[in-house]
PDB file of N, CA and C in Angstrom:
ATOM      1  N   MET A   1     -20.062   8.742   1.544  1.00  0.00           N
ATOM      2  CA  MET A   1     -19.019   7.748   1.725  1.00  0.00           C
ATOM      3  C   MET A   1     -18.933   7.383   3.207  1.00  0.00           C
ATOM      4  N   THR A   2     -19.707   6.437   3.611  1.00  0.00           N
ATOM      5  CA  THR A   2     -19.661   6.001   5.005  1.00  0.00           C
ATOM      6  C   THR A   2     -18.901   4.693   5.151  1.00  0.00           C
ATOM      7  N   LYS A   3     -18.471   4.132   4.054  1.00  0.00           N
ATOM      8  CA  LYS A   3     -17.771   2.858   4.092  1.00  0.00           C
ATOM      9  C   LYS A   3     -16.276   3.109   4.272  1.00  0.00           C
ATOM     10  N   LYS A   4     -15.644   2.270   5.118  1.00  0.00           N
ATOM     11  CA  LYS A   4     -14.236   2.463   5.427  1.00  0.00           C
ATOM     12  C   LYS A   4     -13.457   1.179   5.204  1.00  0.00           C
ATOM     13  N   LEU A   5     -12.184   1.354   4.928  1.00  0.00           N
ATOM     14  CA  LEU A   5     -11.232   0.253   4.896  1.00  0.00           C
ATOM     15  C   LEU A   5     -10.088   0.661   5.801  1.00  0.00           C
ATOM     16  N   ILE A   6      -9.820  -0.159   6.800  1.00  0.00           N
ATOM     17  CA  ILE A   6      -8.716   0.088   7.714  1.00  0.00           C
ATOM     18  C   ILE A   6      -7.651  -0.961   7.422  1.00  0.00           C
ATOM     19  N   ILE A   7      -6.486  -0.494   6.975  1.00  0.00           N
ATOM     20  CA  ILE A   7      -5.366  -1.377   6.661  1.00  0.00           C
ATOM     21  C   ILE A   7      -4.314  -1.138   7.732  1.00  0.00           C
ATOM     22  N   ASP A   8      -4.055  -2.178   8.527  1.00  0.00           N
ATOM     23  CA  ASP A   8      -3.221  -2.044   9.712  1.00  0.00           C
ATOM     24  C   ASP A   8      -3.783  -0.884  10.534  1.00  0.00           C
ATOM     25  N   GLN A   9      -3.156   0.292  10.550  1.00  0.00           N
ATOM     26  CA  GLN A   9      -3.705   1.402  11.329  1.00  0.00           C
ATOM     27  C   GLN A   9      -4.117   2.587  10.463  1.00  0.00           C
ATOM     28  N   ALA A  10      -4.029   2.454   9.154  1.00  0.00           N
ATOM     29  CA  ALA A  10      -4.407   3.539   8.242  1.00  0.00           C
ATOM     30  C   ALA A  10      -5.878   3.392   7.848  1.00  0.00           C
ATOM     31  N   GLU A  11      -6.599   4.507   7.862  1.00  0.00           N
ATOM     32  CA  GLU A  11      -8.026   4.493   7.557  1.00  0.00           C
ATOM     33  C   GLU A  11      -8.284   5.172   6.217  1.00  0.00           C
ATOM     34  N   TRP A  12      -9.029   4.486   5.356  1.00  0.00           N
ATOM     35  CA  TRP A  12      -9.376   4.988   4.027  1.00  0.00           C
ATOM     36  C   TRP A  12     -10.882   4.890   3.864  1.00  0.00           C
ATOM     37  N   PHE A  13     -11.416   5.678   2.941  1.00  0.00           N
ATOM     38  CA  PHE A  13     -12.852   5.673   2.700  1.00  0.00           C
ATOM     39  C   PHE A  13     -13.146   5.138   1.302  1.00  0.00           C
ATOM     40  N   ILE A  14     -14.310   4.505   1.167  1.00  0.00           N
ATOM     41  CA  ILE A  14     -14.693   3.822  -0.069  1.00  0.00           C
ATOM     42  C   ILE A  14     -15.958   4.474  -0.613  1.00  0.00           C
ATOM     43  N   ALA A  15     -15.958   4.804  -1.895  1.00  0.00           N
ATOM     44  CA  ALA A  15     -17.183   5.300  -2.542  1.00  0.00           C
ATOM     45  C   ALA A  15     -18.224   4.181  -2.512  1.00  0.00           C
ATOM     46  N   ASP A  16     -19.461   4.539  -2.262  1.00  0.00           N
ATOM     47  CA  ASP A  16     -20.523   3.540  -2.176  1.00  0.00           C
ATOM     48  C   ASP A  16     -20.568   2.644  -3.407  1.00  0.00           C
ATOM     49  N   ALA A  17     -20.396   3.226  -4.578  1.00  0.00           N
ATOM     50  CA  ALA A  17     -20.464   2.459  -5.822  1.00  0.00           C
ATOM     51  C   ALA A  17     -19.307   1.469  -5.969  1.00  0.00           C
ATOM     52  N   ASP A  18     -18.207   1.700  -5.255  1.00  0.00           N
ATOM     53  CA  ASP A  18     -17.026   0.837  -5.367  1.00  0.00           C
ATOM     54  C   ASP A  18     -16.913  -0.205  -4.261  1.00  0.00           C
ATOM     55  N   ALA A  19     -17.831  -0.199  -3.316  1.00  0.00           N
ATOM     56  CA  ALA A  19     -17.710  -1.039  -2.126  1.00  0.00           C
ATOM     57  C   ALA A  19     -17.598  -2.529  -2.452  1.00  0.00           C
ATOM     58  N   GLU A  20     -18.412  -3.017  -3.344  1.00  0.00           N
ATOM     59  CA  GLU A  20     -18.387  -4.448  -3.674  1.00  0.00           C
ATOM     60  C   GLU A  20     -17.062  -4.836  -4.320  1.00  0.00           C
ATOM     61  N   ALA A  21     -16.589  -4.034  -5.259  1.00  0.00           N
ATOM     62  CA  ALA A  21     -15.331  -4.325  -5.948  1.00  0.00           C
ATOM     63  C   ALA A  21     -14.150  -4.256  -4.982  1.00  0.00           C
ATOM     64  N   VAL A  22     -14.138  -3.259  -4.107  1.00  0.00           N
ATOM     65  CA  VAL A  22     -13.050  -3.132  -3.129  1.00  0.00           C
ATOM     66  C   VAL A  22     -13.060  -4.333  -2.188  1.00  0.00           C
ATOM     67  N   SER A  23     -14.228  -4.730  -1.734  1.00  0.00           N
ATOM     68  CA  SER A  23     -14.348  -5.896  -0.860  1.00  0.00           C
ATOM     69  C   SER A  23     -13.777  -7.143  -1.528  1.00  0.00           C
ATOM     70  N   ARG A  24     -14.108  -7.337  -2.782  1.00  0.00           N
ATOM     71  CA  ARG A  24     -13.615  -8.505  -3.527  1.00  0.00           C
ATOM     72  C   ARG A  24     -12.092  -8.467  -3.655  1.00  0.00           C
ATOM     73  N   LEU A  25     -11.538  -7.292  -3.971  1.00  0.00           N
ATOM     74  CA  LEU A  25     -10.097  -7.165  -4.134  1.00  0.00           C
ATOM     75  C   LEU A  25      -9.348  -7.358  -2.814  1.00  0.00           C
ATOM     76  N   VAL A  26      -9.894  -6.832  -1.727  1.00  0.00           N
ATOM     77  CA  VAL A  26      -9.262  -7.010  -0.415  1.00  0.00           C
ATOM     78  C   VAL A  26      -9.250  -8.491  -0.047  1.00  0.00           C
ATOM     79  N   ARG A  27     -10.365  -9.158  -0.251  1.00  0.00           N
ATOM     80  CA  ARG A  27     -10.442 -10.594   0.044  1.00  0.00           C
ATOM     81  C   ARG A  27      -9.420 -11.360  -0.795  1.00  0.00           C
ATOM     82  N   GLU A  28      -9.316 -11.016  -2.065  1.00  0.00           N
ATOM     83  CA  GLU A  28      -8.355 -11.671  -2.963  1.00  0.00           C
ATOM     84  C   GLU A  28      -6.924 -11.471  -2.463  1.00  0.00           C
ATOM     85  N   ALA A  29      -6.576 -10.246  -2.109  1.00  0.00           N
ATOM     86  CA  ALA A  29      -5.211  -9.950  -1.657  1.00  0.00           C
ATOM     87  C   ALA A  29      -4.873 -10.682  -0.364  1.00  0.00           C
ATOM     88  N   MET A  30      -5.792 -10.663   0.580  1.00  0.00           N
ATOM     89  CA  MET A  30      -5.511 -11.284   1.874  1.00  0.00           C
ATOM     90  C   MET A  30      -5.515 -12.808   1.793  1.00  0.00           C
ATOM     91  N   THR A  31      -6.366 -13.374   0.964  1.00  0.00           N
ATOM     92  CA  THR A  31      -6.448 -14.830   0.831  1.00  0.00           C
ATOM     93  C   THR A  31      -5.293 -15.398   0.028  1.00  0.00           C
ATOM     94  N   ASN A  32      -4.966 -14.725  -1.079  1.00  0.00           N
ATOM     95  CA  ASN A  32      -3.943 -15.246  -1.997  1.00  0.00           C
ATOM     96  C   ASN A  32      -2.560 -14.639  -1.774  1.00  0.00           C
ATOM     97  N   ARG A  33      -2.466 -13.710  -0.797  1.00  0.00           N
ATOM     98  CA  ARG A  33      -1.184 -13.058  -0.492  1.00  0.00           C
ATOM     99  C   ARG A  33      -0.608 -12.373  -1.729  1.00  0.00           C
ATOM    100  N   THR A  34      -1.483 -11.632  -2.420  1.00  0.00           N
ATOM    101  CA  THR A  34      -1.095 -10.904  -3.620  1.00  0.00           C
ATOM    102  C   THR A  34      -1.234  -9.402  -3.370  1.00  0.00           C
ATOM    103  N   THR A  35      -0.846  -8.610  -4.355  1.00  0.00           N
ATOM    104  CA  THR A  35      -0.990  -7.163  -4.267  1.00  0.00           C
ATOM    105  C   THR A  35      -2.098  -6.713  -5.205  1.00  0.00           C
ATOM    106  N   VAL A  36      -2.972  -5.841  -4.697  1.00  0.00           N
ATOM    107  CA  VAL A  36      -4.063  -5.303  -5.506  1.00  0.00           C
ATOM    108  C   VAL A  36      -4.036  -3.780  -5.434  1.00  0.00           C
ATOM    109  N   GLU A  37      -4.624  -3.156  -6.431  1.00  0.00           N
ATOM    110  CA  GLU A  37      -4.710  -1.698  -6.524  1.00  0.00           C
ATOM    111  C   GLU A  37      -6.133  -1.276  -6.179  1.00  0.00           C
ATOM    112  N   LEU A  38      -6.271  -0.383  -5.198  1.00  0.00           N
ATOM    113  CA  LEU A  38      -7.580   0.048  -4.728  1.00  0.00           C
ATOM    114  C   LEU A  38      -7.761   1.550  -4.943  1.00  0.00           C
ATOM    115  N   LYS A  39      -8.918   1.929  -5.448  1.00  0.00           N
ATOM    116  CA  LYS A  39      -9.277   3.348  -5.603  1.00  0.00           C
ATOM    117  C   LYS A  39     -10.060   3.746  -4.360  1.00  0.00           C
ATOM    118  N   LEU A  40      -9.430   4.565  -3.506  1.00  0.00           N
ATOM    119  CA  LEU A  40     -10.018   4.943  -2.233  1.00  0.00           C
ATOM    120  C   LEU A  40      -9.951   6.454  -2.055  1.00  0.00           C
ATOM    121  N   TYR A  41     -10.344   6.926  -0.869  1.00  0.00           N
ATOM    122  CA  TYR A  41     -10.317   8.351  -0.543  1.00  0.00           C
ATOM    123  C   TYR A  41      -9.679   8.536   0.827  1.00  0.00           C
ATOM    124  N   ASP A  42      -8.935   9.637   0.988  1.00  0.00           N
ATOM    125  CA  ASP A  42      -8.356   9.924   2.291  1.00  0.00           C
ATOM    126  C   ASP A  42      -9.387  10.671   3.145  1.00  0.00           C
ATOM    127  N   SER A  43      -9.017  11.036   4.357  1.00  0.00           N
ATOM    128  CA  SER A  43      -9.973  11.671   5.277  1.00  0.00           C
ATOM    129  C   SER A  43     -10.447  13.039   4.799  1.00  0.00           C
ATOM    130  N   ALA A  44      -9.709  13.662   3.879  1.00  0.00           N
ATOM    131  CA  ALA A  44     -10.117  14.952   3.323  1.00  0.00           C
ATOM    132  C   ALA A  44     -10.976  14.792   2.071  1.00  0.00           C
ATOM    133  N   GLY A  45     -11.236  13.537   1.675  1.00  0.00           N
ATOM    134  CA  GLY A  45     -12.070  13.284   0.501  1.00  0.00           C
ATOM    135  C   GLY A  45     -11.318  13.276  -0.810  1.00  0.00           C
ATOM    136  N   ARG A  46      -9.993  13.308  -0.762  1.00  0.00           N
ATOM    137  CA  ARG A  46      -9.184  13.286  -1.983  1.00  0.00           C
ATOM    138  C   ARG A  46      -9.031  11.856  -2.477  1.00  0.00           C
ATOM    139  N   ALA A  47      -9.161  11.664  -3.779  1.00  0.00           N
ATOM    140  CA  ALA A  47      -9.002  10.338  -4.382  1.00  0.00           C
ATOM    141  C   ALA A  47      -7.539   9.917  -4.300  1.00  0.00           C
ATOM    142  N   VAL A  48      -7.319   8.672  -3.888  1.00  0.00           N
ATOM    143  CA  VAL A  48      -5.974   8.109  -3.803  1.00  0.00           C
ATOM    144  C   VAL A  48      -5.996   6.689  -4.348  1.00  0.00           C
ATOM    145  N   THR A  49      -4.833   6.211  -4.740  1.00  0.00           N
ATOM    146  CA  THR A  49      -4.675   4.816  -5.124  1.00  0.00           C
ATOM    147  C   THR A  49      -3.831   4.159  -4.048  1.00  0.00           C
ATOM    148  N   VAL A  50      -4.356   3.096  -3.464  1.00  0.00           N
ATOM    149  CA  VAL A  50      -3.662   2.367  -2.412  1.00  0.00           C
ATOM    150  C   VAL A  50      -3.344   0.973  -2.941  1.00  0.00           C
ATOM    151  N   PHE A  51      -2.097   0.567  -2.783  1.00  0.00           N
ATOM    152  CA  PHE A  51      -1.690  -0.775  -3.155  1.00  0.00           C
ATOM    153  C   PHE A  51      -1.661  -1.619  -1.896  1.00  0.00           C
ATOM    154  N   LEU A  52      -2.520  -2.625  -1.833  1.00  0.00           N
ATOM    155  CA  LEU A  52      -2.616  -3.505  -0.670  1.00  0.00           C
ATOM    156  C   LEU A  52      -1.837  -4.778  -0.958  1.00  0.00           C
ATOM    157  N   ASN A  53      -0.800  -5.019  -0.171  1.00  0.00           N
ATOM    158  CA  ASN A  53       0.001  -6.227  -0.292  1.00  0.00           C
ATOM    159  C   ASN A  53      -0.500  -7.205   0.757  1.00  0.00           C
ATOM    160  N   GLY A  54      -1.232  -8.198   0.322  1.00  0.00           N
ATOM    161  CA  GLY A  54      -1.810  -9.177   1.235  1.00  0.00           C
ATOM    162  C   GLY A  54      -0.777 -10.019   1.963  1.00  0.00           C
ATOM    163  N   ALA A  55       0.426 -10.135   1.425  1.00  0.00           N
ATOM    164  CA  ALA A  55       1.479 -10.901   2.081  1.00  0.00           C
ATOM    165  C   ALA A  55       2.123 -10.106   3.211  1.00  0.00           C
ATOM    166  N   ALA A  56       2.047  -8.790   3.180  1.00  0.00           N
ATOM    167  CA  ALA A  56       2.723  -7.956   4.174  1.00  0.00           C
ATOM    168  C   ALA A  56       1.758  -7.279   5.147  1.00  0.00           C
ATOM    169  N   THR A  57       0.468  -7.330   4.872  1.00  0.00           N
ATOM    170  CA  THR A  57      -0.524  -6.649   5.701  1.00  0.00           C
ATOM    171  C   THR A  57      -0.998  -7.561   6.814  1.00  0.00           C
ATOM    172  N   ALA A  58      -0.936  -7.065   8.049  1.00  0.00           N
ATOM    173  CA  ALA A  58      -1.374  -7.875   9.190  1.00  0.00           C
ATOM    174  C   ALA A  58      -2.902  -7.941   9.265  1.00  0.00           C
ATOM    175  N   THR A  59      -3.573  -6.782   9.102  1.00  0.00           N
ATOM    176  CA  THR A  59      -5.031  -6.764   9.167  1.00  0.00           C
ATOM    177  C   THR A  59      -5.613  -5.799   8.140  1.00  0.00           C
ATOM    178  N   ALA A  60      -6.764  -6.167   7.636  1.00  0.00           N
ATOM    179  CA  ALA A  60      -7.552  -5.300   6.763  1.00  0.00           C
ATOM    180  C   ALA A  60      -9.003  -5.437   7.214  1.00  0.00           C
ATOM    181  N   VAL A  61      -9.602  -4.324   7.608  1.00  0.00           N
ATOM    182  CA  VAL A  61     -10.963  -4.337   8.135  1.00  0.00           C
ATOM    183  C   VAL A  61     -11.858  -3.516   7.229  1.00  0.00           C
ATOM    184  N   LEU A  62     -12.921  -4.125   6.727  1.00  0.00           N
ATOM    185  CA  LEU A  62     -13.933  -3.422   5.943  1.00  0.00           C
ATOM    186  C   LEU A  62     -15.075  -3.068   6.881  1.00  0.00           C
ATOM    187  N   HIS A  63     -15.444  -1.803   6.910  1.00  0.00           N
ATOM    188  CA  HIS A  63     -16.543  -1.344   7.762  1.00  0.00           C
ATOM    189  C   HIS A  63     -17.559  -0.664   6.855  1.00  0.00           C
ATOM    190  N   PHE A  64     -18.679  -1.359   6.625  1.00  0.00           N
ATOM    191  CA  PHE A  64     -19.693  -0.837   5.708  1.00  0.00           C
ATOM    192  C   PHE A  64     -20.809  -0.095   6.416  1.00  0.00           C
ATOM    193  N   ASN A  65     -20.720   0.037   7.746  1.00  0.00           N
ATOM    194  CA  ASN A  65     -21.668   0.838   8.504  1.00  0.00           C
ATOM    195  C   ASN A  65     -23.119   0.406   8.275  1.00  0.00           C
ATOM    196  N   TRP A  66     -23.340  -0.888   8.283  1.00  0.00           N
ATOM    197  CA  TRP A  66     -24.692  -1.421   8.097  1.00  0.00           C
ATOM    198  C   TRP A  66     -25.403  -1.465   9.435  1.00  0.00           C
ATOM    199  N   GLY A  67     -26.348  -0.588   9.619  1.00  0.00           N
ATOM    200  CA  GLY A  67     -27.158  -0.600  10.823  1.00  0.00           C
ATOM    201  C   GLY A  67     -26.389  -0.174  12.058  1.00  0.00           C
ATOM    202  N   PRO A  68     -27.080  -0.176  13.176  1.00  0.00           N
ATOM    203  CA  PRO A  68     -26.449   0.250  14.420  1.00  0.00           C
ATOM    204  C   PRO A  68     -25.479  -0.802  14.950  1.00  0.00           C
ATOM    205  N   ARG A  69     -24.553  -0.353  15.765  1.00  0.00           N
ATOM    206  CA  ARG A  69     -23.649  -1.270  16.442  1.00  0.00           C
ATOM    207  C   ARG A  69     -24.451  -1.997  17.522  1.00  0.00           C
ATOM    208  N   PRO A  70     -23.949  -3.121  18.012  1.00  0.00           N
ATOM    209  CA  PRO A  70     -24.721  -3.877  19.024  1.00  0.00           C
ATOM    210  C   PRO A  70     -25.088  -3.053  20.247  1.00  0.00           C
ATOM    211  N   SER A  71     -24.286  -2.067  20.594  1.00  0.00           N
ATOM    212  CA  SER A  71     -24.597  -1.261  21.782  1.00  0.00           C
ATOM    213  C   SER A  71     -25.456  -0.035  21.454  1.00  0.00           C
ATOM    214  N   GLU A  72     -25.847   0.129  20.192  1.00  0.00           N
ATOM    215  CA  GLU A  72     -26.642   1.286  19.778  1.00  0.00           C
ATOM    216  C   GLU A  72     -28.071   0.872  19.410  1.00  0.00           C
ATOM    217  N   MET A  73     -28.957   1.809  19.524  1.00  0.00           N
ATOM    218  CA  MET A  73     -30.346   1.553  19.126  1.00  0.00           C
ATOM    219  C   MET A  73     -30.559   2.154  17.742  1.00  0.00           C
ATOM    220  N   SER A  74     -31.416   1.522  16.954  1.00  0.00           N
ATOM    221  CA  SER A  74     -31.718   2.063  15.632  1.00  0.00           C
ATOM    222  C   SER A  74     -32.896   3.000  15.682  1.00  0.00           C
TER     223      SER A  74
END
């Protein structure tokens, strides 16, 4: 699980198999200002359900860890 979702300042982890679905739901919530239910993991690896309210959330960042960062070498 190297994929992350950062909602405001809270960091959650995404199972690789769920990454596409979570991405779609986050986009839906933020674009349509709706609430969606996300199956995520906390920093200890425990499964949690997070409700993302797109109308109340300032930022949601998906980090899929694709390749090196611009300042890193592969």
